[in-house]
Structure formats: C-alpha cells, structure tokens
N, C-alpha and C. Protein backbone atom coordinates (compact mmCIF):
# COMPACT_ATOMS: atom_id res chain seq x y z
N MET A 1 -33.88 -65.90 53.88
CA MET A 1 -32.47 -65.39 53.16
C MET A 1 -32.53 -65.38 51.67
N HIS A 2 -33.64 -66.46 51.28
CA HIS A 2 -33.70 -66.92 49.72
C HIS A 2 -34.62 -65.59 49.30
N GLN A 3 -35.63 -65.13 49.95
CA GLN A 3 -36.45 -63.86 49.25
C GLN A 3 -35.41 -62.94 49.02
N LYS A 4 -34.67 -62.57 50.19
CA LYS A 4 -33.91 -61.09 49.72
C LYS A 4 -32.99 -61.55 48.82
N HIS A 5 -32.29 -62.43 48.65
CA HIS A 5 -31.14 -62.85 47.58
C HIS A 5 -31.80 -62.94 46.26
N GLN A 6 -33.44 -63.65 45.96
CA GLN A 6 -34.08 -63.41 44.70
C GLN A 6 -34.18 -62.07 44.70
N LYS A 7 -34.29 -61.45 45.12
CA LYS A 7 -34.85 -59.89 44.78
C LYS A 7 -33.48 -59.09 44.68
N GLY A 8 -32.58 -59.24 44.77
CA GLY A 8 -31.36 -58.40 44.17
C GLY A 8 -30.76 -58.05 45.34
N THR A 9 -31.18 -58.66 46.60
CA THR A 9 -30.14 -58.14 47.77
C THR A 9 -29.03 -59.18 47.85
N VAL A 10 -27.72 -58.24 48.36
CA VAL A 10 -26.59 -59.21 48.33
C VAL A 10 -25.93 -58.92 50.14
N ILE A 11 -26.17 -60.41 50.24
CA ILE A 11 -25.72 -60.78 51.59
C ILE A 11 -24.24 -60.79 51.56
N LEU A 12 -23.46 -60.17 52.62
CA LEU A 12 -22.01 -60.12 52.86
C LEU A 12 -21.58 -60.46 54.01
N LEU A 13 -20.92 -61.81 54.53
CA LEU A 13 -20.49 -62.29 55.68
C LEU A 13 -19.16 -62.18 56.03
N CYS A 14 -18.58 -61.41 57.19
CA CYS A 14 -17.63 -61.41 57.43
C CYS A 14 -17.20 -61.93 58.70
N GLY A 15 -15.90 -62.60 58.82
CA GLY A 15 -15.31 -63.14 60.42
C GLY A 15 -15.83 -64.68 60.43
N VAL A 16 -16.12 -65.22 59.17
CA VAL A 16 -16.36 -66.76 58.95
C VAL A 16 -15.21 -67.70 59.55
N SER A 17 -15.69 -68.36 60.52
CA SER A 17 -14.74 -69.29 60.90
C SER A 17 -14.56 -70.38 60.01
N PRO A 18 -13.36 -71.12 59.77
CA PRO A 18 -13.27 -72.26 58.98
C PRO A 18 -14.70 -73.44 59.55
N VAL A 19 -14.76 -73.41 60.76
CA VAL A 19 -15.89 -74.62 60.63
C VAL A 19 -17.57 -74.26 60.23
N LEU A 20 -17.51 -72.91 60.55
CA LEU A 20 -18.79 -72.27 59.59
C LEU A 20 -18.89 -72.50 58.12
N LYS A 21 -17.56 -71.99 57.60
CA LYS A 21 -17.36 -71.92 56.38
C LYS A 21 -17.92 -73.60 55.87
N ARG A 22 -17.23 -74.34 56.63
CA ARG A 22 -17.59 -75.96 56.03
C ARG A 22 -19.07 -76.07 56.28
N PHE A 23 -19.48 -75.79 57.17
CA PHE A 23 -21.07 -75.98 57.58
C PHE A 23 -21.99 -75.38 56.13
N PHE A 24 -21.40 -74.14 55.83
CA PHE A 24 -22.10 -73.39 54.86
C PHE A 24 -21.86 -74.16 53.24
N ASP A 25 -20.68 -74.68 53.17
CA ASP A 25 -20.44 -75.57 51.99
C ASP A 25 -21.30 -77.08 52.25
N LYS A 26 -21.61 -77.75 53.10
CA LYS A 26 -22.04 -78.74 53.44
C LYS A 26 -23.67 -78.36 53.23
N THR A 27 -24.30 -77.47 53.65
CA THR A 27 -25.30 -77.21 53.55
C THR A 27 -26.29 -76.20 52.49
N GLY A 28 -25.29 -75.98 51.34
CA GLY A 28 -25.62 -75.37 50.18
C GLY A 28 -25.38 -73.75 50.43
N MET A 29 -25.23 -73.16 51.53
CA MET A 29 -25.41 -71.88 51.53
C MET A 29 -24.39 -71.11 51.16
N THR A 30 -22.79 -71.47 50.81
CA THR A 30 -21.90 -70.67 50.22
C THR A 30 -22.46 -70.97 49.03
N ALA A 31 -23.57 -71.76 48.35
CA ALA A 31 -24.06 -71.81 46.70
C ALA A 31 -25.06 -70.42 46.60
N VAL A 32 -25.84 -70.64 47.74
CA VAL A 32 -26.82 -69.78 47.83
C VAL A 32 -26.32 -68.11 47.86
N LEU A 33 -25.29 -67.73 48.78
CA LEU A 33 -24.94 -66.39 49.10
C LEU A 33 -23.73 -66.30 47.95
N GLY A 34 -22.98 -67.01 47.75
CA GLY A 34 -21.69 -66.83 46.95
C GLY A 34 -20.63 -66.90 47.62
N GLN A 35 -19.68 -67.75 46.93
CA GLN A 35 -18.13 -67.61 47.69
C GLN A 35 -17.63 -66.34 47.39
N GLU A 36 -17.82 -65.77 46.55
CA GLU A 36 -17.34 -63.90 46.87
C GLU A 36 -17.97 -63.31 47.76
N ASN A 37 -18.70 -63.53 48.52
CA ASN A 37 -19.53 -62.62 49.22
C ASN A 37 -19.20 -63.15 50.94
N ILE A 38 -18.44 -64.31 51.09
CA ILE A 38 -18.14 -65.08 52.39
C ILE A 38 -16.73 -64.59 52.56
N PHE A 39 -16.33 -63.80 53.74
CA PHE A 39 -14.91 -63.31 54.01
C PHE A 39 -14.73 -64.06 55.34
N GLN A 40 -13.73 -65.13 55.27
CA GLN A 40 -13.69 -65.64 56.23
C GLN A 40 -12.61 -64.86 57.21
N THR A 41 -12.28 -65.11 58.56
CA THR A 41 -11.55 -64.76 59.58
C THR A 41 -10.12 -64.82 59.17
N GLU A 42 -9.18 -63.71 59.36
CA GLU A 42 -7.94 -63.80 59.16
C GLU A 42 -7.11 -63.32 60.46
N GLU A 43 -5.62 -63.57 60.52
CA GLU A 43 -4.97 -63.32 61.56
C GLU A 43 -5.28 -61.48 61.83
N LYS A 44 -4.98 -61.05 60.81
CA LYS A 44 -4.92 -59.50 60.84
C LYS A 44 -6.46 -59.02 61.40
N ILE A 45 -6.30 -58.47 62.56
CA ILE A 45 -7.89 -57.97 63.37
C ILE A 45 -8.25 -57.07 61.97
N PHE A 46 -9.69 -57.14 61.76
CA PHE A 46 -10.56 -56.36 60.90
C PHE A 46 -10.40 -56.66 59.51
N ALA A 47 -9.41 -57.59 59.17
CA ALA A 47 -9.34 -57.89 57.62
C ALA A 47 -10.42 -58.58 56.92
N SER A 48 -10.90 -59.26 57.35
CA SER A 48 -12.70 -59.76 56.60
C SER A 48 -13.42 -58.81 56.74
N SER A 49 -13.42 -57.89 57.73
CA SER A 49 -14.41 -56.80 57.85
C SER A 49 -14.23 -55.53 56.66
N ASN A 50 -12.89 -55.27 56.60
CA ASN A 50 -12.23 -54.50 55.74
C ASN A 50 -12.62 -54.78 54.38
N LYS A 51 -12.58 -56.37 54.16
CA LYS A 51 -12.78 -56.63 52.61
C LYS A 51 -14.22 -56.84 52.36
N ALA A 52 -15.12 -57.14 53.54
CA ALA A 52 -16.18 -57.05 53.27
C ALA A 52 -16.98 -55.42 52.92
N TYR A 53 -16.27 -54.54 53.46
CA TYR A 53 -16.56 -53.26 53.39
C TYR A 53 -16.41 -52.73 52.20
N GLU A 54 -15.28 -53.27 51.60
CA GLU A 54 -14.95 -52.63 50.34
C GLU A 54 -15.77 -53.43 49.21
N LYS A 55 -15.97 -54.42 49.29
CA LYS A 55 -17.04 -55.36 48.59
C LYS A 55 -18.32 -54.74 48.33
N ALA A 56 -18.99 -54.27 49.68
CA ALA A 56 -20.05 -53.25 50.08
C ALA A 56 -19.86 -52.09 49.17
N ARG A 57 -18.98 -51.09 49.00
CA ARG A 57 -19.06 -50.13 48.63
C ARG A 57 -19.00 -50.24 46.98
N MET A 58 -18.45 -51.42 46.52
CA MET A 58 -18.43 -51.63 44.86
C MET A 58 -19.56 -51.96 44.48
N LEU A 59 -20.52 -52.20 45.47
CA LEU A 59 -22.29 -52.86 45.46
C LEU A 59 -22.89 -51.51 45.26
N VAL A 60 -22.73 -50.55 45.84
CA VAL A 60 -23.57 -49.33 45.88
C VAL A 60 -23.12 -48.18 45.15
C-alpha cells in the first residue's frame, strides 16, 4: 500500500466500521491513507459507498 500511495494512487475505503477505524488510527494507517479517504459506515444504506464514489469522481 505504501508503494501505491507514494506513486500518487489514492485509496478510498468505504463501509469502515468504528472498530476498524480505531485500528487504523492506532496503527497509523489513517495517516497513510488520509482521514479524508476513509468513509465510515452510516445508518443509511450505501451512504459511505456513495461518498467514496463522489470523492473518486472528483479525483479523475
């Protein structure tokens, strides 16, 4: 993941649970990926997927 990130590749994660988000925070993955590229689960179905999709559209 570090190699792709260094080459300008943006990795977007959606549907990230609070437990997984805390793990990312604790291990430094949030800093590597960027907080703005991690979309946590929400009550509304597909909400995090839609947000990640919109972010991806802005990047291309």
